[in-house]
Every structure is written in structure tokens, then in C-alpha cells.
Amino acid sequence: MNVDQAELIAIQALGHIAAEEDLLFAFVDLTGLAPNDLRARAGEPEILGGILDFILMDDQRLLAFCEAANLHPEMPAVARKLLPGGEEVHWT
């Protein structure tokens, strides 16, 4: 997977979130982004990473998204690692 593919998965996740009113409200509440700000910044890699973080926070949310997008459940986590803030940190 490359960064472009990771961004595409995140954009699909955003579409999934936007289609579910409860998910959209939860995302907006968690991030503090107003819906207009989300629309304006939706393509920014940092926002896309946050979208995947939100999807990955809950197993049911993750599985529902993956089913809707026809993705294997591990793909959003792989995509997240390629976006800003998703790097693995080794503390030793």
C-alpha cells in the first residue's frame, strides 16, 4: 500500500462517517471540528489520519466500515501507519 491508497481508504471512511448521522456527530464531538471545517479540510493528510483513528477506535465501527467498503479489517490500520501521526514509535 502507498500513501495515495491510504488516503483513498481514509476518504472512503469519511464518506462512511458522513452517511451515518450518529457517527458524524460522534466524530465532530470528538475532534471539535465543525462540519464546515471538516468539509474544507477533508483532504488534508492530518485530517485523514484522524478519520482513520476514529474508525479504528471501535471494533464495531471498524467492521461496519470494512464491510461497507469491501475491505479486509486490517487495511484501515495499515493505511493509518502511512499518514501523519501513524508512525510506530519505539521508546527504547
PDB file of N, CA and C in Angstrom:
ATOM      1  N   MET A   1       0.858  -1.177   0.000  1.00  0.00           N
ATOM      2  CA  MET A   1       0.000   0.000   0.000  1.00  0.00           C
ATOM      3  C   MET A   1       0.898   1.232   0.000  1.00  0.00           C
ATOM      4  N   ASN A   2       0.465   2.267  -0.698  1.00  0.00           N
ATOM      5  CA  ASN A   2       1.202   3.528  -0.711  1.00  0.00           C
ATOM      6  C   ASN A   2       0.325   4.630  -0.088  1.00  0.00           C
ATOM      7  N   VAL A   3       0.887   5.826   0.013  1.00  0.00           N
ATOM      8  CA  VAL A   3       0.180   6.937   0.662  1.00  0.00           C
ATOM      9  C   VAL A   3      -1.118   7.270  -0.071  1.00  0.00           C
ATOM     10  N   ASP A   4      -1.099   7.250  -1.391  1.00  0.00           N
ATOM     11  CA  ASP A   4      -2.323   7.561  -2.142  1.00  0.00           C
ATOM     12  C   ASP A   4      -3.439   6.571  -1.822  1.00  0.00           C
ATOM     13  N   GLN A   5      -3.090   5.295  -1.715  1.00  0.00           N
ATOM     14  CA  GLN A   5      -4.088   4.281  -1.375  1.00  0.00           C
ATOM     15  C   GLN A   5      -4.583   4.467   0.051  1.00  0.00           C
ATOM     16  N   ALA A   6      -3.683   4.827   0.951  1.00  0.00           N
ATOM     17  CA  ALA A   6      -4.067   5.084   2.337  1.00  0.00           C
ATOM     18  C   ALA A   6      -5.043   6.255   2.411  1.00  0.00           C
ATOM     19  N   GLU A   7      -4.757   7.306   1.669  1.00  0.00           N
ATOM     20  CA  GLU A   7      -5.650   8.468   1.648  1.00  0.00           C
ATOM     21  C   GLU A   7      -7.009   8.095   1.073  1.00  0.00           C
ATOM     22  N   LEU A   8      -7.034   7.240   0.063  1.00  0.00           N
ATOM     23  CA  LEU A   8      -8.299   6.808  -0.519  1.00  0.00           C
ATOM     24  C   LEU A   8      -9.138   6.041   0.501  1.00  0.00           C
ATOM     25  N   ILE A   9      -8.501   5.170   1.277  1.00  0.00           N
ATOM     26  CA  ILE A   9      -9.231   4.444   2.319  1.00  0.00           C
ATOM     27  C   ILE A   9      -9.791   5.427   3.344  1.00  0.00           C
ATOM     28  N   ALA A  10      -9.011   6.431   3.711  1.00  0.00           N
ATOM     29  CA  ALA A  10      -9.485   7.426   4.670  1.00  0.00           C
ATOM     30  C   ALA A  10     -10.650   8.233   4.098  1.00  0.00           C
ATOM     31  N   ILE A  11     -10.596   8.554   2.825  1.00  0.00           N
ATOM     32  CA  ILE A  11     -11.702   9.281   2.188  1.00  0.00           C
ATOM     33  C   ILE A  11     -12.951   8.410   2.158  1.00  0.00           C
ATOM     34  N   GLN A  12     -12.773   7.116   1.894  1.00  0.00           N
ATOM     35  CA  GLN A  12     -13.916   6.196   1.962  1.00  0.00           C
ATOM     36  C   GLN A  12     -14.491   6.175   3.375  1.00  0.00           C
ATOM     37  N   ALA A  13     -13.609   6.181   4.367  1.00  0.00           N
ATOM     38  CA  ALA A  13     -14.061   6.188   5.764  1.00  0.00           C
ATOM     39  C   ALA A  13     -14.839   7.464   6.070  1.00  0.00           C
ATOM     40  N   LEU A  14     -14.371   8.577   5.542  1.00  0.00           N
ATOM     41  CA  LEU A  14     -15.095   9.834   5.742  1.00  0.00           C
ATOM     42  C   LEU A  14     -16.492   9.745   5.135  1.00  0.00           C
ATOM     43  N   GLY A  15     -16.593   9.186   3.955  1.00  0.00           N
ATOM     44  CA  GLY A  15     -17.903   9.004   3.334  1.00  0.00           C
ATOM     45  C   GLY A  15     -18.811   8.132   4.183  1.00  0.00           C
ATOM     46  N   HIS A  16     -18.233   7.102   4.764  1.00  0.00           N
ATOM     47  CA  HIS A  16     -18.992   6.209   5.638  1.00  0.00           C
ATOM     48  C   HIS A  16     -19.475   6.971   6.877  1.00  0.00           C
ATOM     49  N   ILE A  17     -18.597   7.749   7.462  1.00  0.00           N
ATOM     50  CA  ILE A  17     -18.953   8.543   8.645  1.00  0.00           C
ATOM     51  C   ILE A  17     -20.039   9.556   8.298  1.00  0.00           C
ATOM     52  N   ALA A  18     -19.870  10.239   7.179  1.00  0.00           N
ATOM     53  CA  ALA A  18     -20.828  11.272   6.784  1.00  0.00           C
ATOM     54  C   ALA A  18     -22.210  10.692   6.489  1.00  0.00           C
ATOM     55  N   ALA A  19     -22.255   9.440   6.055  1.00  0.00           N
ATOM     56  CA  ALA A  19     -23.536   8.808   5.719  1.00  0.00           C
ATOM     57  C   ALA A  19     -24.315   8.367   6.956  1.00  0.00           C
ATOM     58  N   GLU A  20     -23.646   8.304   8.090  1.00  0.00           N
ATOM     59  CA  GLU A  20     -24.279   7.875   9.335  1.00  0.00           C
ATOM     60  C   GLU A  20     -24.311   9.062  10.301  1.00  0.00           C
ATOM     61  N   GLU A  21     -25.464   9.624  10.509  1.00  0.00           N
ATOM     62  CA  GLU A  21     -25.594  10.827  11.327  1.00  0.00           C
ATOM     63  C   GLU A  21     -24.979  10.655  12.714  1.00  0.00           C
ATOM     64  N   ASP A  22     -25.215   9.511  13.354  1.00  0.00           N
ATOM     65  CA  ASP A  22     -24.658   9.282  14.691  1.00  0.00           C
ATOM     66  C   ASP A  22     -23.132   9.284  14.662  1.00  0.00           C
ATOM     67  N   LEU A  23     -22.539   8.664  13.641  1.00  0.00           N
ATOM     68  CA  LEU A  23     -21.085   8.649  13.515  1.00  0.00           C
ATOM     69  C   LEU A  23     -20.546  10.045  13.268  1.00  0.00           C
ATOM     70  N   LEU A  24     -21.226  10.790  12.420  1.00  0.00           N
ATOM     71  CA  LEU A  24     -20.773  12.144  12.111  1.00  0.00           C
ATOM     72  C   LEU A  24     -20.790  13.016  13.362  1.00  0.00           C
ATOM     73  N   PHE A  25     -21.866  12.939  14.132  1.00  0.00           N
ATOM     74  CA  PHE A  25     -21.934  13.726  15.364  1.00  0.00           C
ATOM     75  C   PHE A  25     -20.853  13.292  16.345  1.00  0.00           C
ATOM     76  N   ALA A  26     -20.612  11.984  16.452  1.00  0.00           N
ATOM     77  CA  ALA A  26     -19.571  11.486  17.358  1.00  0.00           C
ATOM     78  C   ALA A  26     -18.198  11.980  16.917  1.00  0.00           C
ATOM     79  N   PHE A  27     -17.937  11.968  15.608  1.00  0.00           N
ATOM     80  CA  PHE A  27     -16.652  12.432  15.089  1.00  0.00           C
ATOM     81  C   PHE A  27     -16.467  13.925  15.355  1.00  0.00           C
ATOM     82  N   VAL A  28     -17.497  14.695  15.090  1.00  0.00           N
ATOM     83  CA  VAL A  28     -17.438  16.146  15.314  1.00  0.00           C
ATOM     84  C   VAL A  28     -17.242  16.445  16.799  1.00  0.00           C
ATOM     85  N   ASP A  29     -17.958  15.722  17.644  1.00  0.00           N
ATOM     86  CA  ASP A  29     -17.802  15.929  19.097  1.00  0.00           C
ATOM     87  C   ASP A  29     -16.392  15.585  19.553  1.00  0.00           C
ATOM     88  N   LEU A  30     -15.853  14.499  19.057  1.00  0.00           N
ATOM     89  CA  LEU A  30     -14.529  14.052  19.472  1.00  0.00           C
ATOM     90  C   LEU A  30     -13.426  14.993  19.000  1.00  0.00           C
ATOM     91  N   THR A  31     -13.531  15.455  17.766  1.00  0.00           N
ATOM     92  CA  THR A  31     -12.459  16.266  17.174  1.00  0.00           C
ATOM     93  C   THR A  31     -12.622  17.753  17.418  1.00  0.00           C
ATOM     94  N   GLY A  32     -13.848  18.199  17.637  1.00  0.00           N
ATOM     95  CA  GLY A  32     -14.090  19.629  17.782  1.00  0.00           C
ATOM     96  C   GLY A  32     -14.191  20.351  16.451  1.00  0.00           C
ATOM     97  N   LEU A  33     -14.079  19.608  15.356  1.00  0.00           N
ATOM     98  CA  LEU A  33     -14.214  20.227  14.032  1.00  0.00           C
ATOM     99  C   LEU A  33     -15.682  20.484  13.726  1.00  0.00           C
ATOM    100  N   ALA A  34     -15.983  21.661  13.269  1.00  0.00           N
ATOM    101  CA  ALA A  34     -17.329  21.949  12.797  1.00  0.00           C
ATOM    102  C   ALA A  34     -17.509  21.262  11.443  1.00  0.00           C
ATOM    103  N   PRO A  35     -18.719  20.864  11.101  1.00  0.00           N
ATOM    104  CA  PRO A  35     -18.935  20.201   9.809  1.00  0.00           C
ATOM    105  C   PRO A  35     -18.378  20.993   8.621  1.00  0.00           C
ATOM    106  N   ASN A  36     -18.496  22.319   8.647  1.00  0.00           N
ATOM    107  CA  ASN A  36     -17.949  23.122   7.547  1.00  0.00           C
ATOM    108  C   ASN A  36     -16.428  23.035   7.497  1.00  0.00           C
ATOM    109  N   ASP A  37     -15.784  23.016   8.673  1.00  0.00           N
ATOM    110  CA  ASP A  37     -14.334  22.868   8.726  1.00  0.00           C
ATOM    111  C   ASP A  37     -13.912  21.494   8.214  1.00  0.00           C
ATOM    112  N   LEU A  38     -14.678  20.490   8.569  1.00  0.00           N
ATOM    113  CA  LEU A  38     -14.385  19.141   8.098  1.00  0.00           C
ATOM    114  C   LEU A  38     -14.456  19.077   6.577  1.00  0.00           C
ATOM    115  N   ARG A  39     -15.487  19.681   6.006  1.00  0.00           N
ATOM    116  CA  ARG A  39     -15.597  19.704   4.540  1.00  0.00           C
ATOM    117  C   ARG A  39     -14.410  20.423   3.913  1.00  0.00           C
ATOM    118  N   ALA A  40     -14.034  21.545   4.490  1.00  0.00           N
ATOM    119  CA  ALA A  40     -12.946  22.349   3.925  1.00  0.00           C
ATOM    120  C   ALA A  40     -11.588  21.661   4.051  1.00  0.00           C
ATOM    121  N   ARG A  41     -11.408  20.865   5.085  1.00  0.00           N
ATOM    122  CA  ARG A  41     -10.084  20.280   5.358  1.00  0.00           C
ATOM    123  C   ARG A  41     -10.028  18.774   5.098  1.00  0.00           C
ATOM    124  N   ALA A  42     -11.066  18.215   4.509  1.00  0.00           N
ATOM    125  CA  ALA A  42     -11.192  16.765   4.360  1.00  0.00           C
ATOM    126  C   ALA A  42     -10.017  16.115   3.629  1.00  0.00           C
ATOM    127  N   GLY A  43      -9.356  16.813   2.755  1.00  0.00           N
ATOM    128  CA  GLY A  43      -8.251  16.225   2.003  1.00  0.00           C
ATOM    129  C   GLY A  43      -6.896  16.334   2.668  1.00  0.00           C
ATOM    130  N   GLU A  44      -6.818  17.014   3.800  1.00  0.00           N
ATOM    131  CA  GLU A  44      -5.534  17.180   4.477  1.00  0.00           C
ATOM    132  C   GLU A  44      -5.101  15.855   5.109  1.00  0.00           C
ATOM    133  N   PRO A  45      -3.853  15.462   4.898  1.00  0.00           N
ATOM    134  CA  PRO A  45      -3.390  14.176   5.433  1.00  0.00           C
ATOM    135  C   PRO A  45      -3.591  14.019   6.940  1.00  0.00           C
ATOM    136  N   GLU A  46      -3.443  15.089   7.701  1.00  0.00           N
ATOM    137  CA  GLU A  46      -3.633  15.005   9.143  1.00  0.00           C
ATOM    138  C   GLU A  46      -5.090  14.707   9.499  1.00  0.00           C
ATOM    139  N   ILE A  47      -6.008  15.311   8.781  1.00  0.00           N
ATOM    140  CA  ILE A  47      -7.436  15.058   8.996  1.00  0.00           C
ATOM    141  C   ILE A  47      -7.766  13.626   8.598  1.00  0.00           C
ATOM    142  N   LEU A  48      -7.213  13.171   7.486  1.00  0.00           N
ATOM    143  CA  LEU A  48      -7.457  11.802   7.037  1.00  0.00           C
ATOM    144  C   LEU A  48      -6.947  10.801   8.069  1.00  0.00           C
ATOM    145  N   GLY A  49      -5.813  11.095   8.676  1.00  0.00           N
ATOM    146  CA  GLY A  49      -5.315  10.236   9.743  1.00  0.00           C
ATOM    147  C   GLY A  49      -6.267  10.201  10.921  1.00  0.00           C
ATOM    148  N   GLY A  50      -6.814  11.350  11.277  1.00  0.00           N
ATOM    149  CA  GLY A  50      -7.781  11.413  12.365  1.00  0.00           C
ATOM    150  C   GLY A  50      -9.055  10.650  12.058  1.00  0.00           C
ATOM    151  N   ILE A  51      -9.455  10.665  10.815  1.00  0.00           N
ATOM    152  CA  ILE A  51     -10.639   9.902  10.395  1.00  0.00           C
ATOM    153  C   ILE A  51     -10.392   8.405  10.608  1.00  0.00           C
ATOM    154  N   LEU A  52      -9.215   7.942  10.202  1.00  0.00           N
ATOM    155  CA  LEU A  52      -8.901   6.528  10.411  1.00  0.00           C
ATOM    156  C   LEU A  52      -8.755   6.209  11.892  1.00  0.00           C
ATOM    157  N   ASP A  53      -8.193   7.119  12.675  1.00  0.00           N
ATOM    158  CA  ASP A  53      -8.121   6.916  14.127  1.00  0.00           C
ATOM    159  C   ASP A  53      -9.522   6.695  14.691  1.00  0.00           C
ATOM    160  N   PHE A  54     -10.460   7.508  14.263  1.00  0.00           N
ATOM    161  CA  PHE A  54     -11.838   7.407  14.729  1.00  0.00           C
ATOM    162  C   PHE A  54     -12.443   6.050  14.359  1.00  0.00           C
ATOM    163  N   ILE A  55     -12.221   5.614  13.142  1.00  0.00           N
ATOM    164  CA  ILE A  55     -12.738   4.310  12.702  1.00  0.00           C
ATOM    165  C   ILE A  55     -12.110   3.189  13.517  1.00  0.00           C
ATOM    166  N   LEU A  56     -10.819   3.309  13.778  1.00  0.00           N
ATOM    167  CA  LEU A  56     -10.090   2.252  14.475  1.00  0.00           C
ATOM    168  C   LEU A  56     -10.361   2.203  15.980  1.00  0.00           C
ATOM    169  N   MET A  57     -11.002   3.225  16.524  1.00  0.00           N
ATOM    170  CA  MET A  57     -11.262   3.293  17.967  1.00  0.00           C
ATOM    171  C   MET A  57     -12.290   2.271  18.445  1.00  0.00           C
ATOM    172  N   ASP A  58     -13.088   1.757  17.550  1.00  0.00           N
ATOM    173  CA  ASP A  58     -14.194   0.896  17.952  1.00  0.00           C
ATOM    174  C   ASP A  58     -14.302  -0.266  16.964  1.00  0.00           C
ATOM    175  N   ASP A  59     -14.288  -1.482  17.480  1.00  0.00           N
ATOM    176  CA  ASP A  59     -14.318  -2.664  16.605  1.00  0.00           C
ATOM    177  C   ASP A  59     -15.584  -2.726  15.751  1.00  0.00           C
ATOM    178  N   GLN A  60     -16.726  -2.425  16.332  1.00  0.00           N
ATOM    179  CA  GLN A  60     -17.972  -2.460  15.555  1.00  0.00           C
ATOM    180  C   GLN A  60     -17.943  -1.425  14.441  1.00  0.00           C
ATOM    181  N   ARG A  61     -17.444  -0.251  14.749  1.00  0.00           N
ATOM    182  CA  ARG A  61     -17.320   0.821  13.763  1.00  0.00           C
ATOM    183  C   ARG A  61     -16.383   0.382  12.636  1.00  0.00           C
ATOM    184  N   LEU A  62     -15.255  -0.197  13.020  1.00  0.00           N
ATOM    185  CA  LEU A  62     -14.277  -0.678  12.047  1.00  0.00           C
ATOM    186  C   LEU A  62     -14.877  -1.746  11.145  1.00  0.00           C
ATOM    187  N   LEU A  63     -15.518  -2.729  11.733  1.00  0.00           N
ATOM    188  CA  LEU A  63     -16.077  -3.823  10.938  1.00  0.00           C
ATOM    189  C   LEU A  63     -17.204  -3.344  10.031  1.00  0.00           C
ATOM    190  N   ALA A  64     -18.017  -2.433  10.509  1.00  0.00           N
ATOM    191  CA  ALA A  64     -19.095  -1.892   9.667  1.00  0.00           C
ATOM    192  C   ALA A  64     -18.515  -1.137   8.474  1.00  0.00           C
ATOM    193  N   PHE A  65     -17.486  -0.335   8.719  1.00  0.00           N
ATOM    194  CA  PHE A  65     -16.853   0.386   7.622  1.00  0.00           C
ATOM    195  C   PHE A  65     -16.233  -0.587   6.630  1.00  0.00           C
ATOM    196  N   CYS A  66     -15.500  -1.566   7.120  1.00  0.00           N
ATOM    197  CA  CYS A  66     -14.826  -2.509   6.228  1.00  0.00           C
ATOM    198  C   CYS A  66     -15.823  -3.306   5.399  1.00  0.00           C
ATOM    199  N   GLU A  67     -16.936  -3.680   6.006  1.00  0.00           N
ATOM    200  CA  GLU A  67     -17.973  -4.382   5.251  1.00  0.00           C
ATOM    201  C   GLU A  67     -18.545  -3.478   4.162  1.00  0.00           C
ATOM    202  N   ALA A  68     -18.844  -2.245   4.516  1.00  0.00           N
ATOM    203  CA  ALA A  68     -19.411  -1.307   3.539  1.00  0.00           C
ATOM    204  C   ALA A  68     -18.435  -0.996   2.407  1.00  0.00           C
ATOM    205  N   ALA A  69     -17.134  -0.918   2.739  1.00  0.00           N
ATOM    206  CA  ALA A  69     -16.113  -0.567   1.741  1.00  0.00           C
ATOM    207  C   ALA A  69     -15.483  -1.791   1.086  1.00  0.00           C
ATOM    208  N   ASN A  70     -15.926  -2.977   1.512  1.00  0.00           N
ATOM    209  CA  ASN A  70     -15.387  -4.234   0.984  1.00  0.00           C
ATOM    210  C   ASN A  70     -13.868  -4.320   1.189  1.00  0.00           C
ATOM    211  N   LEU A  71     -13.450  -4.029   2.419  1.00  0.00           N
ATOM    212  CA  LEU A  71     -12.036  -4.070   2.796  1.00  0.00           C
ATOM    213  C   LEU A  71     -11.814  -5.134   3.859  1.00  0.00           C
ATOM    214  N   HIS A  72     -10.623  -5.694   3.879  1.00  0.00           N
ATOM    215  CA  HIS A  72     -10.232  -6.565   4.981  1.00  0.00           C
ATOM    216  C   HIS A  72     -10.064  -5.683   6.218  1.00  0.00           C
ATOM    217  N   PRO A  73     -10.454  -6.155   7.390  1.00  0.00           N
ATOM    218  CA  PRO A  73     -10.416  -5.323   8.594  1.00  0.00           C
ATOM    219  C   PRO A  73      -9.045  -4.776   8.977  1.00  0.00           C
ATOM    220  N   GLU A  74      -7.976  -5.377   8.509  1.00  0.00           N
ATOM    221  CA  GLU A  74      -6.653  -4.849   8.852  1.00  0.00           C
ATOM    222  C   GLU A  74      -6.230  -3.677   7.952  1.00  0.00           C
ATOM    223  N   MET A  75      -6.903  -3.461   6.860  1.00  0.00           N
ATOM    224  CA  MET A  75      -6.483  -2.430   5.902  1.00  0.00           C
ATOM    225  C   MET A  75      -6.521  -1.006   6.458  1.00  0.00           C
ATOM    226  N   PRO A  76      -7.543  -0.601   7.208  1.00  0.00           N
ATOM    227  CA  PRO A  76      -7.500   0.754   7.767  1.00  0.00           C
ATOM    228  C   PRO A  76      -6.296   0.981   8.688  1.00  0.00           C
ATOM    229  N   ALA A  77      -5.892  -0.026   9.445  1.00  0.00           N
ATOM    230  CA  ALA A  77      -4.718   0.124  10.325  1.00  0.00           C
ATOM    231  C   ALA A  77      -3.441   0.248   9.506  1.00  0.00           C
ATOM    232  N   VAL A  78      -3.346  -0.516   8.431  1.00  0.00           N
ATOM    233  CA  VAL A  78      -2.185  -0.412   7.535  1.00  0.00           C
ATOM    234  C   VAL A  78      -2.152   0.980   6.921  1.00  0.00           C
ATOM    235  N   ALA A  79      -3.315   1.457   6.478  1.00  0.00           N
ATOM    236  CA  ALA A  79      -3.401   2.793   5.883  1.00  0.00           C
ATOM    237  C   ALA A  79      -3.020   3.860   6.898  1.00  0.00           C
ATOM    238  N   ARG A  80      -3.467   3.692   8.139  1.00  0.00           N
ATOM    239  CA  ARG A  80      -3.197   4.701   9.169  1.00  0.00           C
ATOM    240  C   ARG A  80      -1.709   4.905   9.388  1.00  0.00           C
ATOM    241  N   LYS A  81      -0.932   3.840   9.303  1.00  0.00           N
ATOM    242  CA  LYS A  81       0.507   3.930   9.519  1.00  0.00           C
ATOM    243  C   LYS A  81       1.205   4.787   8.467  1.00  0.00           C
ATOM    244  N   LEU A  82       0.574   4.971   7.326  1.00  0.00           N
ATOM    245  CA  LEU A  82       1.188   5.737   6.240  1.00  0.00           C
ATOM    246  C   LEU A  82       0.845   7.225   6.270  1.00  0.00           C
ATOM    247  N   LEU A  83      -0.068   7.610   7.148  1.00  0.00           N
ATOM    248  CA  LEU A  83      -0.486   9.009   7.222  1.00  0.00           C
ATOM    249  C   LEU A  83       0.170   9.686   8.423  1.00  0.00           C
ATOM    250  N   PRO A  84       0.268  11.013   8.425  1.00  0.00           N
ATOM    251  CA  PRO A  84       0.920  11.728   9.529  1.00  0.00           C
ATOM    252  C   PRO A  84       0.354  11.320  10.886  1.00  0.00           C
ATOM    253  N   GLY A  85       1.258  11.047  11.814  1.00  0.00           N
ATOM    254  CA  GLY A  85       0.870  10.652  13.155  1.00  0.00           C
ATOM    255  C   GLY A  85       0.678   9.157  13.334  1.00  0.00           C
ATOM    256  N   GLY A  86       0.777   8.413  12.261  1.00  0.00           N
ATOM    257  CA  GLY A  86       0.557   6.969  12.339  1.00  0.00           C
ATOM    258  C   GLY A  86       1.812   6.147  12.457  1.00  0.00           C
ATOM    259  N   GLU A  87       2.943   6.820  12.495  1.00  0.00           N
ATOM    260  CA  GLU A  87       4.207   6.101  12.563  1.00  0.00           C
ATOM    261  C   GLU A  87       4.319   5.348  13.874  1.00  0.00           C
ATOM    262  N   GLU A  88       4.983   4.199  13.825  1.00  0.00           N
ATOM    263  CA  GLU A  88       5.246   3.457  15.054  1.00  0.00           C
ATOM    264  C   GLU A  88       6.359   4.150  15.813  1.00  0.00           C
ATOM    265  N   VAL A  89       6.161   4.278  17.117  1.00  0.00           N
ATOM    266  CA  VAL A  89       7.156   4.912  17.976  1.00  0.00           C
ATOM    267  C   VAL A  89       7.826   3.825  18.788  1.00  0.00           C
ATOM    268  N   HIS A  90       9.141   3.781  18.739  1.00  0.00           N
ATOM    269  CA  HIS A  90       9.908   2.834  19.528  1.00  0.00           C
ATOM    270  C   HIS A  90      10.588   3.623  20.644  1.00  0.00           C
ATOM    271  N   TRP A  91      10.194   3.365  21.875  1.00  0.00           N
ATOM    272  CA  TRP A  91      10.654   4.146  23.004  1.00  0.00           C
ATOM    273  C   TRP A  91      11.968   3.630  23.602  1.00  0.00           C
ATOM    274  N   THR A  92      12.501   2.555  23.060  1.00  0.00           N
ATOM    275  CA  THR A  92      13.745   2.019  23.609  1.00  0.00           C
ATOM    276  C   THR A  92      14.933   2.405  22.770  1.00  0.00           C
TER     277      THR A  92
END
